[in-house]
Amino acid sequence: MAVTFTGTRDHTAFQVKAAGARLGGACLDDRPEIERQISLLRDGLVTIGFTPRQAEGYTSIDLNDLASIVMRPEKIFNQTPGPGAGAEVTS
């Protein structure tokens, strides 16, 4: 399993990998964080030139149609464009 997280404004990106993952349902307790993340993404899209209407459409979701993925990260890689892209992040 691999998932990539990317910052809207500066394209800072990390890829997290795990040997496996478990699919589950999202719960009501997840809603505040989901809404916070959507708001941050929407604001970031407007900052880079999307109109508010475009950003709203891009981030539109059905809160009743969400799932969760649970994974135990094993490796993290820098995916930010540039010379360090693909390098493993170590402690």
N, C-alpha and C. Protein backbone atom coordinates (compact mmCIF):
# COMPACT_ATOMS: atom_id res chain seq x y z
N MET A 1 0.85 -1.17 0.00
CA MET A 1 0.00 0.00 0.00
C MET A 1 0.89 1.23 0.00
N ALA A 2 0.56 2.19 -0.81
CA ALA A 2 1.29 3.45 -0.83
C ALA A 2 0.29 4.59 -0.93
N VAL A 3 0.57 5.64 -0.22
CA VAL A 3 -0.27 6.84 -0.28
C VAL A 3 0.66 8.05 -0.32
N THR A 4 0.30 9.03 -1.14
CA THR A 4 1.11 10.23 -1.26
C THR A 4 0.33 11.43 -0.73
N PHE A 5 1.02 12.24 0.05
CA PHE A 5 0.45 13.46 0.61
C PHE A 5 1.19 14.63 -0.01
N THR A 6 0.44 15.58 -0.58
CA THR A 6 1.05 16.70 -1.28
C THR A 6 0.48 18.02 -0.78
N GLY A 7 1.36 18.99 -0.53
CA GLY A 7 0.93 20.33 -0.15
C GLY A 7 0.51 21.11 -1.38
N THR A 8 -0.65 21.72 -1.33
CA THR A 8 -1.20 22.44 -2.48
C THR A 8 -0.34 23.62 -2.88
N ARG A 9 0.09 24.40 -1.91
CA ARG A 9 0.76 25.66 -2.22
C ARG A 9 2.19 25.50 -2.73
N ASP A 10 2.92 24.53 -2.19
CA ASP A 10 4.34 24.42 -2.55
C ASP A 10 4.74 23.07 -3.14
N HIS A 11 3.79 22.18 -3.31
CA HIS A 11 4.02 20.86 -3.89
C HIS A 11 4.94 19.97 -3.06
N THR A 12 5.15 20.31 -1.78
CA THR A 12 5.90 19.43 -0.90
C THR A 12 5.13 18.12 -0.83
N ALA A 13 5.81 17.00 -1.04
CA ALA A 13 5.10 15.73 -1.09
C ALA A 13 5.90 14.61 -0.42
N PHE A 14 5.17 13.71 0.21
CA PHE A 14 5.74 12.53 0.84
C PHE A 14 4.91 11.32 0.46
N GLN A 15 5.58 10.20 0.24
CA GLN A 15 4.89 8.95 -0.02
C GLN A 15 5.14 8.03 1.17
N VAL A 16 4.06 7.47 1.68
CA VAL A 16 4.13 6.55 2.82
C VAL A 16 3.77 5.16 2.30
N LYS A 17 4.62 4.18 2.65
CA LYS A 17 4.40 2.81 2.18
C LYS A 17 4.25 1.85 3.35
N ALA A 18 3.41 0.83 3.14
CA ALA A 18 3.19 -0.22 4.14
C ALA A 18 2.97 -1.54 3.39
N ALA A 19 3.24 -2.63 4.07
CA ALA A 19 3.08 -3.95 3.46
C ALA A 19 1.60 -4.26 3.20
N GLY A 20 0.72 -3.67 3.97
CA GLY A 20 -0.70 -3.93 3.80
C GLY A 20 -1.53 -2.84 4.44
N ALA A 21 -2.83 -2.96 4.26
CA ALA A 21 -3.75 -1.98 4.83
C ALA A 21 -5.11 -2.65 5.03
N ARG A 22 -5.92 -1.99 5.83
CA ARG A 22 -7.27 -2.49 6.11
C ARG A 22 -8.26 -1.40 5.73
N LEU A 23 -9.28 -1.77 4.96
CA LEU A 23 -10.32 -0.86 4.55
C LEU A 23 -11.45 -0.89 5.56
N GLY A 24 -11.91 0.28 5.95
CA GLY A 24 -13.02 0.37 6.89
C GLY A 24 -13.93 1.51 6.51
N GLY A 25 -14.90 1.75 7.35
CA GLY A 25 -15.82 2.86 7.11
C GLY A 25 -15.40 4.08 7.90
N ALA A 26 -15.69 5.24 7.36
CA ALA A 26 -15.46 6.47 8.10
C ALA A 26 -16.54 6.60 9.16
N CYS A 27 -16.21 7.24 10.27
CA CYS A 27 -17.21 7.41 11.33
C CYS A 27 -17.45 8.89 11.58
N LEU A 28 -18.49 9.19 12.33
CA LEU A 28 -18.84 10.58 12.60
C LEU A 28 -17.72 11.34 13.29
N ASP A 29 -16.91 10.65 14.09
CA ASP A 29 -15.79 11.31 14.77
C ASP A 29 -14.74 11.83 13.77
N ASP A 30 -14.73 11.27 12.56
CA ASP A 30 -13.79 11.69 11.53
C ASP A 30 -14.21 12.99 10.85
N ARG A 31 -15.47 13.34 10.95
CA ARG A 31 -16.02 14.46 10.18
C ARG A 31 -15.31 15.80 10.42
N PRO A 32 -15.02 16.22 11.65
CA PRO A 32 -14.34 17.50 11.83
C PRO A 32 -12.98 17.56 11.11
N GLU A 33 -12.22 16.48 11.16
CA GLU A 33 -10.91 16.48 10.48
C GLU A 33 -11.08 16.45 8.97
N ILE A 34 -12.06 15.71 8.49
CA ILE A 34 -12.33 15.69 7.05
C ILE A 34 -12.67 17.10 6.57
N GLU A 35 -13.55 17.77 7.30
CA GLU A 35 -13.95 19.12 6.91
C GLU A 35 -12.78 20.10 7.01
N ARG A 36 -11.92 19.93 8.00
CA ARG A 36 -10.74 20.80 8.14
C ARG A 36 -9.79 20.62 6.96
N GLN A 37 -9.54 19.37 6.59
CA GLN A 37 -8.65 19.09 5.47
C GLN A 37 -9.22 19.61 4.15
N ILE A 38 -10.51 19.46 3.95
CA ILE A 38 -11.16 19.98 2.74
C ILE A 38 -11.03 21.49 2.67
N SER A 39 -11.22 22.15 3.80
CA SER A 39 -11.11 23.61 3.85
C SER A 39 -9.69 24.05 3.51
N LEU A 40 -8.69 23.36 4.05
CA LEU A 40 -7.29 23.69 3.74
C LEU A 40 -6.99 23.50 2.26
N LEU A 41 -7.47 22.39 1.69
CA LEU A 41 -7.25 22.14 0.27
C LEU A 41 -7.94 23.20 -0.57
N ARG A 42 -9.19 23.51 -0.23
CA ARG A 42 -9.94 24.52 -0.98
C ARG A 42 -9.20 25.87 -0.95
N ASP A 43 -8.75 26.29 0.24
CA ASP A 43 -8.01 27.55 0.37
C ASP A 43 -6.72 27.52 -0.44
N GLY A 44 -6.03 26.38 -0.41
CA GLY A 44 -4.80 26.24 -1.16
C GLY A 44 -5.03 26.33 -2.66
N LEU A 45 -6.11 25.75 -3.13
CA LEU A 45 -6.42 25.82 -4.56
C LEU A 45 -6.70 27.26 -5.00
N VAL A 46 -7.41 28.01 -4.16
CA VAL A 46 -7.68 29.41 -4.48
C VAL A 46 -6.37 30.20 -4.49
N THR A 47 -5.49 29.89 -3.57
CA THR A 47 -4.19 30.58 -3.50
C THR A 47 -3.38 30.39 -4.78
N ILE A 48 -3.49 29.22 -5.41
CA ILE A 48 -2.70 28.98 -6.63
C ILE A 48 -3.46 29.31 -7.91
N GLY A 49 -4.65 29.94 -7.77
CA GLY A 49 -5.31 30.45 -8.97
C GLY A 49 -6.66 29.87 -9.33
N PHE A 50 -7.13 28.86 -8.62
CA PHE A 50 -8.48 28.37 -8.87
C PHE A 50 -9.47 29.44 -8.43
N THR A 51 -10.60 29.54 -9.10
CA THR A 51 -11.65 30.41 -8.60
C THR A 51 -12.29 29.72 -7.40
N PRO A 52 -12.92 30.46 -6.49
CA PRO A 52 -13.59 29.80 -5.37
C PRO A 52 -14.60 28.74 -5.85
N ARG A 53 -15.30 29.01 -6.93
CA ARG A 53 -16.27 28.03 -7.44
C ARG A 53 -15.57 26.76 -7.93
N GLN A 54 -14.45 26.92 -8.63
CA GLN A 54 -13.70 25.75 -9.09
C GLN A 54 -13.20 24.95 -7.89
N ALA A 55 -12.65 25.63 -6.90
CA ALA A 55 -12.12 24.96 -5.71
C ALA A 55 -13.23 24.23 -4.98
N GLU A 56 -14.39 24.84 -4.89
CA GLU A 56 -15.54 24.20 -4.24
C GLU A 56 -15.93 22.92 -4.98
N GLY A 57 -15.97 22.99 -6.30
CA GLY A 57 -16.32 21.81 -7.09
C GLY A 57 -15.28 20.70 -6.96
N TYR A 58 -14.03 21.08 -6.95
CA TYR A 58 -12.93 20.11 -6.86
C TYR A 58 -12.94 19.39 -5.52
N THR A 59 -13.37 20.06 -4.47
CA THR A 59 -13.33 19.48 -3.13
C THR A 59 -14.69 19.00 -2.64
N SER A 60 -15.67 18.97 -3.53
CA SER A 60 -17.01 18.52 -3.15
C SER A 60 -17.01 17.02 -2.87
N ILE A 61 -17.55 16.63 -1.72
CA ILE A 61 -17.62 15.21 -1.37
C ILE A 61 -18.99 14.90 -0.79
N ASP A 62 -19.32 13.63 -0.75
CA ASP A 62 -20.51 13.14 -0.08
C ASP A 62 -20.04 12.49 1.22
N LEU A 63 -20.29 13.14 2.34
CA LEU A 63 -19.82 12.63 3.63
C LEU A 63 -20.40 11.26 3.98
N ASN A 64 -21.46 10.85 3.28
CA ASN A 64 -22.04 9.53 3.53
C ASN A 64 -21.39 8.44 2.67
N ASP A 65 -20.46 8.84 1.82
CA ASP A 65 -19.84 7.89 0.89
C ASP A 65 -18.32 7.89 1.07
N LEU A 66 -17.87 7.81 2.31
CA LEU A 66 -16.44 7.82 2.62
C LEU A 66 -16.00 6.50 3.22
N ALA A 67 -14.74 6.21 3.07
CA ALA A 67 -14.15 5.02 3.67
C ALA A 67 -12.89 5.44 4.40
N SER A 68 -12.37 4.55 5.20
CA SER A 68 -11.09 4.80 5.86
C SER A 68 -10.12 3.70 5.47
N ILE A 69 -8.86 4.05 5.46
CA ILE A 69 -7.80 3.08 5.21
C ILE A 69 -6.85 3.15 6.39
N VAL A 70 -6.66 2.02 7.04
CA VAL A 70 -5.77 1.95 8.19
C VAL A 70 -4.52 1.19 7.75
N MET A 71 -3.37 1.83 7.96
CA MET A 71 -2.12 1.19 7.58
C MET A 71 -1.05 1.56 8.60
N ARG A 72 -0.06 0.71 8.73
CA ARG A 72 1.07 0.97 9.61
C ARG A 72 2.24 1.37 8.73
N PRO A 73 2.59 2.67 8.71
CA PRO A 73 3.68 3.12 7.83
C PRO A 73 4.98 2.39 8.14
N GLU A 74 5.65 1.95 7.07
CA GLU A 74 6.93 1.27 7.21
C GLU A 74 8.08 2.09 6.63
N LYS A 75 7.80 2.81 5.54
CA LYS A 75 8.81 3.64 4.91
C LYS A 75 8.16 4.92 4.41
N ILE A 76 8.94 6.00 4.44
CA ILE A 76 8.48 7.29 3.95
C ILE A 76 9.51 7.81 2.95
N PHE A 77 9.01 8.32 1.84
CA PHE A 77 9.89 8.81 0.78
C PHE A 77 9.55 10.25 0.44
N ASN A 78 10.56 11.05 0.17
CA ASN A 78 10.37 12.41 -0.29
C ASN A 78 9.91 12.34 -1.74
N GLN A 79 8.79 12.95 -2.05
CA GLN A 79 8.29 12.98 -3.43
C GLN A 79 8.20 14.40 -3.97
N THR A 80 8.76 15.36 -3.23
CA THR A 80 8.76 16.74 -3.69
C THR A 80 9.59 16.83 -4.97
N PRO A 81 9.04 17.46 -6.01
CA PRO A 81 9.81 17.56 -7.25
C PRO A 81 11.18 18.21 -7.02
N GLY A 82 12.18 17.63 -7.63
CA GLY A 82 13.54 18.15 -7.50
C GLY A 82 14.54 17.03 -7.29
N PRO A 83 15.78 17.39 -6.97
CA PRO A 83 16.86 16.41 -6.89
C PRO A 83 16.68 15.37 -5.77
N GLY A 84 15.92 15.67 -4.72
CA GLY A 84 15.75 14.71 -3.63
C GLY A 84 14.55 13.80 -3.78
N ALA A 85 13.81 13.95 -4.87
CA ALA A 85 12.60 13.14 -5.07
C ALA A 85 12.95 11.66 -5.11
N GLY A 86 12.20 10.87 -4.37
CA GLY A 86 12.41 9.43 -4.32
C GLY A 86 13.31 8.97 -3.19
N ALA A 87 13.96 9.89 -2.50
CA ALA A 87 14.87 9.51 -1.40
C ALA A 87 14.06 9.11 -0.17
N GLU A 88 14.49 8.05 0.47
CA GLU A 88 13.82 7.61 1.69
C GLU A 88 14.12 8.61 2.82
N VAL A 89 13.08 8.91 3.59
CA VAL A 89 13.24 9.79 4.75
C VAL A 89 13.56 8.90 5.93
N THR A 90 14.70 9.17 6.57
CA THR A 90 15.13 8.37 7.71
C THR A 90 15.20 9.25 8.95
N SER A 91 15.14 8.62 10.11
CA SER A 91 15.18 9.40 11.36
C SER A 91 16.59 9.76 11.76
